[in-house]
Amino acid sequence: MLDWLWSIIIGGVVGWLADLVVPGVKVGILGAIIAGILGGVLGKWLFGLLGLPITGVWPFIAAVVGAIILLLVYRAIAKK
């Protein structure tokens, strides 16, 4: 029942970390939550394709990587 709340909290933290890593993009709180949640989906999918583990701390790392990729794509599109 609290899974959605944890998704929002962890998504916010992941999005905030990705926002710190990618220069030139400031997405705000809502943008960080969205980037973190979508980054988790993307990261889990990418790690699965590469055969990397998705246990322990790896889901968090996968989410950060996915969110960074999303913000890099967003920055590239937004500059045009």
PDB file of N, CA and C in Angstrom:
ATOM      1  N   MET A   1       0.816  -1.195   0.000  1.00  0.00           N
ATOM      2  CA  MET A   1       0.000   0.000   0.000  1.00  0.00           C
ATOM      3  C   MET A   1       0.861   1.261   0.000  1.00  0.00           C
ATOM      4  N   LEU A   2       1.988   1.208   0.647  1.00  0.00           N
ATOM      5  CA  LEU A   2       2.865   2.372   0.681  1.00  0.00           C
ATOM      6  C   LEU A   2       3.903   2.349  -0.428  1.00  0.00           C
ATOM      7  N   ASP A   3       3.777   1.405  -1.365  1.00  0.00           N
ATOM      8  CA  ASP A   3       4.733   1.319  -2.456  1.00  0.00           C
ATOM      9  C   ASP A   3       4.771   2.609  -3.277  1.00  0.00           C
ATOM     10  N   TRP A   4       3.617   3.200  -3.516  1.00  0.00           N
ATOM     11  CA  TRP A   4       3.578   4.422  -4.306  1.00  0.00           C
ATOM     12  C   TRP A   4       4.287   5.566  -3.584  1.00  0.00           C
ATOM     13  N   LEU A   5       4.159   5.604  -2.263  1.00  0.00           N
ATOM     14  CA  LEU A   5       4.833   6.648  -1.491  1.00  0.00           C
ATOM     15  C   LEU A   5       6.346   6.479  -1.548  1.00  0.00           C
ATOM     16  N   TRP A   6       6.806   5.231  -1.405  1.00  0.00           N
ATOM     17  CA  TRP A   6       8.240   4.965  -1.505  1.00  0.00           C
ATOM     18  C   TRP A   6       8.753   5.293  -2.905  1.00  0.00           C
ATOM     19  N   SER A   7       7.954   4.993  -3.937  1.00  0.00           N
ATOM     20  CA  SER A   7       8.346   5.312  -5.305  1.00  0.00           C
ATOM     21  C   SER A   7       8.527   6.815  -5.478  1.00  0.00           C
ATOM     22  N   ILE A   8       7.640   7.594  -4.892  1.00  0.00           N
ATOM     23  CA  ILE A   8       7.744   9.053  -4.984  1.00  0.00           C
ATOM     24  C   ILE A   8       8.975   9.557  -4.223  1.00  0.00           C
ATOM     25  N   ILE A   9       9.185   9.041  -3.021  1.00  0.00           N
ATOM     26  CA  ILE A   9      10.326   9.489  -2.208  1.00  0.00           C
ATOM     27  C   ILE A   9      11.645   9.115  -2.869  1.00  0.00           C
ATOM     28  N   ILE A  10      11.786   7.846  -3.228  1.00  0.00           N
ATOM     29  CA  ILE A  10      13.030   7.390  -3.855  1.00  0.00           C
ATOM     30  C   ILE A  10      13.201   8.057  -5.224  1.00  0.00           C
ATOM     31  N   GLY A  11      12.104   8.201  -5.965  1.00  0.00           N
ATOM     32  CA  GLY A  11      12.166   8.893  -7.254  1.00  0.00           C
ATOM     33  C   GLY A  11      12.649  10.320  -7.108  1.00  0.00           C
ATOM     34  N   GLY A  12      12.197  10.995  -6.062  1.00  0.00           N
ATOM     35  CA  GLY A  12      12.653  12.357  -5.808  1.00  0.00           C
ATOM     36  C   GLY A  12      14.136  12.430  -5.503  1.00  0.00           C
ATOM     37  N   VAL A  13      14.612  11.510  -4.692  1.00  0.00           N
ATOM     38  CA  VAL A  13      16.044  11.473  -4.349  1.00  0.00           C
ATOM     39  C   VAL A  13      16.876  11.161  -5.584  1.00  0.00           C
ATOM     40  N   VAL A  14      16.445  10.164  -6.359  1.00  0.00           N
ATOM     41  CA  VAL A  14      17.169   9.778  -7.572  1.00  0.00           C
ATOM     42  C   VAL A  14      17.173  10.933  -8.576  1.00  0.00           C
ATOM     43  N   GLY A  15      16.022  11.556  -8.785  1.00  0.00           N
ATOM     44  CA  GLY A  15      15.944  12.689  -9.703  1.00  0.00           C
ATOM     45  C   GLY A  15      16.789  13.862  -9.247  1.00  0.00           C
ATOM     46  N   TRP A  16      16.809  14.104  -7.948  1.00  0.00           N
ATOM     47  CA  TRP A  16      17.640  15.190  -7.405  1.00  0.00           C
ATOM     48  C   TRP A  16      19.118  14.910  -7.662  1.00  0.00           C
ATOM     49  N   LEU A  17      19.561  13.657  -7.426  1.00  0.00           N
ATOM     50  CA  LEU A  17      20.958  13.295  -7.684  1.00  0.00           C
ATOM     51  C   LEU A  17      21.294  13.453  -9.158  1.00  0.00           C
ATOM     52  N   ALA A  18      20.400  12.994 -10.024  1.00  0.00           N
ATOM     53  CA  ALA A  18      20.640  13.130 -11.463  1.00  0.00           C
ATOM     54  C   ALA A  18      20.688  14.601 -11.856  1.00  0.00           C
ATOM     55  N   ASP A  19      19.847  15.421 -11.252  1.00  0.00           N
ATOM     56  CA  ASP A  19      19.827  16.853 -11.528  1.00  0.00           C
ATOM     57  C   ASP A  19      21.144  17.503 -11.125  1.00  0.00           C
ATOM     58  N   LEU A  20      21.765  17.008 -10.064  1.00  0.00           N
ATOM     59  CA  LEU A  20      23.067  17.525  -9.642  1.00  0.00           C
ATOM     60  C   LEU A  20      24.174  17.144 -10.619  1.00  0.00           C
ATOM     61  N   VAL A  21      24.053  15.967 -11.218  1.00  0.00           N
ATOM     62  CA  VAL A  21      25.096  15.446 -12.104  1.00  0.00           C
ATOM     63  C   VAL A  21      25.038  16.083 -13.490  1.00  0.00           C
ATOM     64  N   VAL A  22      23.843  16.325 -14.005  1.00  0.00           N
ATOM     65  CA  VAL A  22      23.682  16.849 -15.368  1.00  0.00           C
ATOM     66  C   VAL A  22      23.649  18.373 -15.316  1.00  0.00           C
ATOM     67  N   PRO A  23      24.694  19.024 -15.841  1.00  0.00           N
ATOM     68  CA  PRO A  23      24.714  20.485 -15.811  1.00  0.00           C
ATOM     69  C   PRO A  23      23.742  21.081 -16.827  1.00  0.00           C
ATOM     70  N   GLY A  24      23.221  22.247 -16.511  1.00  0.00           N
ATOM     71  CA  GLY A  24      22.361  22.962 -17.442  1.00  0.00           C
ATOM     72  C   GLY A  24      20.903  22.556 -17.404  1.00  0.00           C
ATOM     73  N   VAL A  25      20.528  21.686 -16.461  1.00  0.00           N
ATOM     74  CA  VAL A  25      19.136  21.249 -16.342  1.00  0.00           C
ATOM     75  C   VAL A  25      18.720  21.419 -14.889  1.00  0.00           C
ATOM     76  N   LYS A  26      17.680  22.172 -14.666  1.00  0.00           N
ATOM     77  CA  LYS A  26      17.096  22.302 -13.329  1.00  0.00           C
ATOM     78  C   LYS A  26      15.624  21.966 -13.463  1.00  0.00           C
ATOM     79  N   VAL A  27      15.231  20.803 -12.957  1.00  0.00           N
ATOM     80  CA  VAL A  27      13.878  20.308 -13.200  1.00  0.00           C
ATOM     81  C   VAL A  27      12.907  20.588 -12.060  1.00  0.00           C
ATOM     82  N   GLY A  28      13.363  21.008 -10.914  1.00  0.00           N
ATOM     83  CA  GLY A  28      12.479  21.258  -9.786  1.00  0.00           C
ATOM     84  C   GLY A  28      12.067  19.963  -9.095  1.00  0.00           C
ATOM     85  N   ILE A  29      11.230  20.086  -8.081  1.00  0.00           N
ATOM     86  CA  ILE A  29      10.851  18.922  -7.271  1.00  0.00           C
ATOM     87  C   ILE A  29      10.008  17.936  -8.074  1.00  0.00           C
ATOM     88  N   LEU A  30       8.969  18.414  -8.727  1.00  0.00           N
ATOM     89  CA  LEU A  30       8.102  17.523  -9.499  1.00  0.00           C
ATOM     90  C   LEU A  30       8.873  16.873 -10.648  1.00  0.00           C
ATOM     91  N   GLY A  31       9.697  17.648 -11.323  1.00  0.00           N
ATOM     92  CA  GLY A  31      10.520  17.106 -12.411  1.00  0.00           C
ATOM     93  C   GLY A  31      11.501  16.067 -11.918  1.00  0.00           C
ATOM     94  N   ALA A  32      12.059  16.286 -10.718  1.00  0.00           N
ATOM     95  CA  ALA A  32      12.991  15.315 -10.143  1.00  0.00           C
ATOM     96  C   ALA A  32      12.283  14.009  -9.816  1.00  0.00           C
ATOM     97  N   ILE A  33      11.071  14.105  -9.277  1.00  0.00           N
ATOM     98  CA  ILE A  33      10.305  12.895  -8.957  1.00  0.00           C
ATOM     99  C   ILE A  33       9.985  12.128 -10.236  1.00  0.00           C
ATOM    100  N   ILE A  34       9.531  12.833 -11.256  1.00  0.00           N
ATOM    101  CA  ILE A  34       9.198  12.182 -12.523  1.00  0.00           C
ATOM    102  C   ILE A  34      10.446  11.575 -13.162  1.00  0.00           C
ATOM    103  N   ALA A  35      11.546  12.341 -13.189  1.00  0.00           N
ATOM    104  CA  ALA A  35      12.790  11.824 -13.768  1.00  0.00           C
ATOM    105  C   ALA A  35      13.292  10.610 -12.987  1.00  0.00           C
ATOM    106  N   GLY A  36      13.149  10.636 -11.674  1.00  0.00           N
ATOM    107  CA  GLY A  36      13.601   9.511 -10.853  1.00  0.00           C
ATOM    108  C   GLY A  36      12.777   8.258 -11.086  1.00  0.00           C
ATOM    109  N   ILE A  37      11.463   8.402 -11.159  1.00  0.00           N
ATOM    110  CA  ILE A  37      10.600   7.234 -11.373  1.00  0.00           C
ATOM    111  C   ILE A  37      10.813   6.669 -12.777  1.00  0.00           C
ATOM    112  N   LEU A  38      10.801   7.539 -13.792  1.00  0.00           N
ATOM    113  CA  LEU A  38      11.038   7.068 -15.159  1.00  0.00           C
ATOM    114  C   LEU A  38      12.466   6.548 -15.325  1.00  0.00           C
ATOM    115  N   GLY A  39      13.411   7.177 -14.625  1.00  0.00           N
ATOM    116  CA  GLY A  39      14.797   6.701 -14.662  1.00  0.00           C
ATOM    117  C   GLY A  39      14.936   5.311 -14.063  1.00  0.00           C
ATOM    118  N   GLY A  40      14.138   5.028 -13.040  1.00  0.00           N
ATOM    119  CA  GLY A  40      14.147   3.683 -12.458  1.00  0.00           C
ATOM    120  C   GLY A  40      13.668   2.638 -13.443  1.00  0.00           C
ATOM    121  N   VAL A  41      12.625   2.975 -14.192  1.00  0.00           N
ATOM    122  CA  VAL A  41      12.108   2.046 -15.212  1.00  0.00           C
ATOM    123  C   VAL A  41      13.153   1.851 -16.311  1.00  0.00           C
ATOM    124  N   LEU A  42      13.710   2.952 -16.808  1.00  0.00           N
ATOM    125  CA  LEU A  42      14.714   2.877 -17.865  1.00  0.00           C
ATOM    126  C   LEU A  42      15.968   2.144 -17.392  1.00  0.00           C
ATOM    127  N   GLY A  43      16.443   2.478 -16.195  1.00  0.00           N
ATOM    128  CA  GLY A  43      17.646   1.847 -15.664  1.00  0.00           C
ATOM    129  C   GLY A  43      17.476   0.353 -15.450  1.00  0.00           C
ATOM    130  N   LYS A  44      16.333  -0.047 -14.927  1.00  0.00           N
ATOM    131  CA  LYS A  44      16.075  -1.474 -14.716  1.00  0.00           C
ATOM    132  C   LYS A  44      16.058  -2.206 -16.053  1.00  0.00           C
ATOM    133  N   TRP A  45      15.442  -1.600 -17.062  1.00  0.00           N
ATOM    134  CA  TRP A  45      15.400  -2.208 -18.384  1.00  0.00           C
ATOM    135  C   TRP A  45      16.807  -2.325 -18.981  1.00  0.00           C
ATOM    136  N   LEU A  46      17.604  -1.239 -18.891  1.00  0.00           N
ATOM    137  CA  LEU A  46      18.967  -1.258 -19.431  1.00  0.00           C
ATOM    138  C   LEU A  46      19.849  -2.266 -18.700  1.00  0.00           C
ATOM    139  N   PHE A  47      19.767  -2.296 -17.379  1.00  0.00           N
ATOM    140  CA  PHE A  47      20.574  -3.246 -16.612  1.00  0.00           C
ATOM    141  C   PHE A  47      20.176  -4.672 -16.957  1.00  0.00           C
ATOM    142  N   GLY A  48      18.883  -4.908 -17.183  1.00  0.00           N
ATOM    143  CA  GLY A  48      18.416  -6.235 -17.578  1.00  0.00           C
ATOM    144  C   GLY A  48      18.983  -6.636 -18.929  1.00  0.00           C
ATOM    145  N   LEU A  49      19.015  -5.683 -19.875  1.00  0.00           N
ATOM    146  CA  LEU A  49      19.590  -5.964 -21.201  1.00  0.00           C
ATOM    147  C   LEU A  49      21.065  -6.310 -21.115  1.00  0.00           C
ATOM    148  N   LEU A  50      21.772  -5.626 -20.226  1.00  0.00           N
ATOM    149  CA  LEU A  50      23.211  -5.843 -20.080  1.00  0.00           C
ATOM    150  C   LEU A  50      23.543  -7.028 -19.182  1.00  0.00           C
ATOM    151  N   GLY A  51      22.538  -7.621 -18.572  1.00  0.00           N
ATOM    152  CA  GLY A  51      22.765  -8.763 -17.695  1.00  0.00           C
ATOM    153  C   GLY A  51      23.360  -8.393 -16.346  1.00  0.00           C
ATOM    154  N   LEU A  52      23.218  -7.135 -15.958  1.00  0.00           N
ATOM    155  CA  LEU A  52      23.738  -6.686 -14.665  1.00  0.00           C
ATOM    156  C   LEU A  52      22.738  -7.023 -13.565  1.00  0.00           C
ATOM    157  N   PRO A  53      23.222  -7.196 -12.348  1.00  0.00           N
ATOM    158  CA  PRO A  53      22.310  -7.569 -11.256  1.00  0.00           C
ATOM    159  C   PRO A  53      21.340  -6.449 -10.907  1.00  0.00           C
ATOM    160  N   ILE A  54      20.163  -6.835 -10.468  1.00  0.00           N
ATOM    161  CA  ILE A  54      19.165  -5.856 -10.034  1.00  0.00           C
ATOM    162  C   ILE A  54      18.699  -6.259  -8.633  1.00  0.00           C
ATOM    163  N   THR A  55      19.671  -6.463  -7.758  1.00  0.00           N
ATOM    164  CA  THR A  55      19.391  -6.787  -6.360  1.00  0.00           C
ATOM    165  C   THR A  55      20.258  -5.901  -5.473  1.00  0.00           C
ATOM    166  N   GLY A  56      19.922  -5.838  -4.222  1.00  0.00           N
ATOM    167  CA  GLY A  56      20.696  -5.031  -3.275  1.00  0.00           C
ATOM    168  C   GLY A  56      20.584  -3.554  -3.589  1.00  0.00           C
ATOM    169  N   VAL A  57      21.720  -2.896  -3.759  1.00  0.00           N
ATOM    170  CA  VAL A  57      21.756  -1.462  -4.031  1.00  0.00           C
ATOM    171  C   VAL A  57      21.668  -1.172  -5.534  1.00  0.00           C
ATOM    172  N   TRP A  58      21.764  -2.184  -6.361  1.00  0.00           N
ATOM    173  CA  TRP A  58      21.776  -1.995  -7.804  1.00  0.00           C
ATOM    174  C   TRP A  58      20.527  -1.341  -8.373  1.00  0.00           C
ATOM    175  N   PRO A  59      19.326  -1.600  -7.858  1.00  0.00           N
ATOM    176  CA  PRO A  59      18.156  -0.878  -8.401  1.00  0.00           C
ATOM    177  C   PRO A  59      18.281   0.639  -8.239  1.00  0.00           C
ATOM    178  N   PHE A  60      18.853   1.070  -7.126  1.00  0.00           N
ATOM    179  CA  PHE A  60      19.049   2.504  -6.901  1.00  0.00           C
ATOM    180  C   PHE A  60      20.053   3.056  -7.911  1.00  0.00           C
ATOM    181  N   ILE A  61      21.157   2.330  -8.116  1.00  0.00           N
ATOM    182  CA  ILE A  61      22.170   2.752  -9.083  1.00  0.00           C
ATOM    183  C   ILE A  61      21.582   2.774 -10.487  1.00  0.00           C
ATOM    184  N   ALA A  62      20.804   1.750 -10.823  1.00  0.00           N
ATOM    185  CA  ALA A  62      20.155   1.696 -12.135  1.00  0.00           C
ATOM    186  C   ALA A  62      19.217   2.883 -12.316  1.00  0.00           C
ATOM    187  N   ALA A  63      18.488   3.247 -11.279  1.00  0.00           N
ATOM    188  CA  ALA A  63      17.564   4.381 -11.354  1.00  0.00           C
ATOM    189  C   ALA A  63      18.323   5.685 -11.571  1.00  0.00           C
ATOM    190  N   VAL A  64      19.440   5.869 -10.882  1.00  0.00           N
ATOM    191  CA  VAL A  64      20.238   7.086 -11.055  1.00  0.00           C
ATOM    192  C   VAL A  64      20.781   7.156 -12.482  1.00  0.00           C
ATOM    193  N   VAL A  65      21.307   6.042 -12.982  1.00  0.00           N
ATOM    194  CA  VAL A  65      21.827   6.001 -14.351  1.00  0.00           C
ATOM    195  C   VAL A  65      20.713   6.318 -15.349  1.00  0.00           C
ATOM    196  N   GLY A  66      19.554   5.700 -15.160  1.00  0.00           N
ATOM    197  CA  GLY A  66      18.426   5.950 -16.046  1.00  0.00           C
ATOM    198  C   GLY A  66      17.971   7.398 -16.005  1.00  0.00           C
ATOM    199  N   ALA A  67      17.918   7.990 -14.817  1.00  0.00           N
ATOM    200  CA  ALA A  67      17.507   9.391 -14.678  1.00  0.00           C
ATOM    201  C   ALA A  67      18.528  10.327 -15.323  1.00  0.00           C
ATOM    202  N   ILE A  68      19.804  10.014 -15.200  1.00  0.00           N
ATOM    203  CA  ILE A  68      20.839  10.828 -15.843  1.00  0.00           C
ATOM    204  C   ILE A  68      20.665  10.781 -17.355  1.00  0.00           C
ATOM    205  N   ILE A  69      20.413   9.585 -17.888  1.00  0.00           N
ATOM    206  CA  ILE A  69      20.198   9.452 -19.328  1.00  0.00           C
ATOM    207  C   ILE A  69      18.982  10.279 -19.762  1.00  0.00           C
ATOM    208  N   LEU A  70      17.894  10.178 -19.002  1.00  0.00           N
ATOM    209  CA  LEU A  70      16.690  10.949 -19.331  1.00  0.00           C
ATOM    210  C   LEU A  70      16.961  12.452 -19.317  1.00  0.00           C
ATOM    211  N   LEU A  71      17.699  12.925 -18.318  1.00  0.00           N
ATOM    212  CA  LEU A  71      17.978  14.361 -18.241  1.00  0.00           C
ATOM    213  C   LEU A  71      18.925  14.812 -19.352  1.00  0.00           C
ATOM    214  N   LEU A  72      19.849  13.955 -19.761  1.00  0.00           N
ATOM    215  CA  LEU A  72      20.718  14.284 -20.883  1.00  0.00           C
ATOM    216  C   LEU A  72      19.919  14.405 -22.178  1.00  0.00           C
ATOM    217  N   VAL A  73      18.981  13.494 -22.378  1.00  0.00           N
ATOM    218  CA  VAL A  73      18.108  13.559 -23.553  1.00  0.00           C
ATOM    219  C   VAL A  73      17.244  14.816 -23.480  1.00  0.00           C
ATOM    220  N   TYR A  74      16.691  15.097 -22.311  1.00  0.00           N
ATOM    221  CA  TYR A  74      15.867  16.298 -22.125  1.00  0.00           C
ATOM    222  C   TYR A  74      16.666  17.562 -22.432  1.00  0.00           C
ATOM    223  N   ARG A  75      17.907  17.615 -21.942  1.00  0.00           N
ATOM    224  CA  ARG A  75      18.755  18.787 -22.190  1.00  0.00           C
ATOM    225  C   ARG A  75      19.037  18.948 -23.674  1.00  0.00           C
ATOM    226  N   ALA A  76      19.297  17.848 -24.367  1.00  0.00           N
ATOM    227  CA  ALA A  76      19.580  17.913 -25.801  1.00  0.00           C
ATOM    228  C   ALA A  76      18.362  18.395 -26.587  1.00  0.00           C
ATOM    229  N   ILE A  77      17.184  17.947 -26.193  1.00  0.00           N
ATOM    230  CA  ILE A  77      15.956  18.346 -26.893  1.00  0.00           C
ATOM    231  C   ILE A  77      15.593  19.783 -26.556  1.00  0.00           C
ATOM    232  N   ALA A  78      15.738  20.162 -25.292  1.00  0.00           N
ATOM    233  CA  ALA A  78      15.338  21.501 -24.849  1.00  0.00           C
ATOM    234  C   ALA A  78      16.217  22.597 -25.438  1.00  0.00           C
ATOM    235  N   LYS A  79      17.453  22.311 -25.786  1.00  0.00           N
ATOM    236  CA  LYS A  79      18.358  23.330 -26.337  1.00  0.00           C
ATOM    237  C   LYS A  79      18.072  23.635 -27.790  1.00  0.00           C
ATOM    238  N   LYS A  80      17.298  22.796 -28.454  1.00  0.00           N
ATOM    239  CA  LYS A  80      17.024  23.024 -29.882  1.00  0.00           C
ATOM    240  C   LYS A  80      15.956  24.053 -30.076  1.00  0.00           C
TER     241      LYS A  80
END
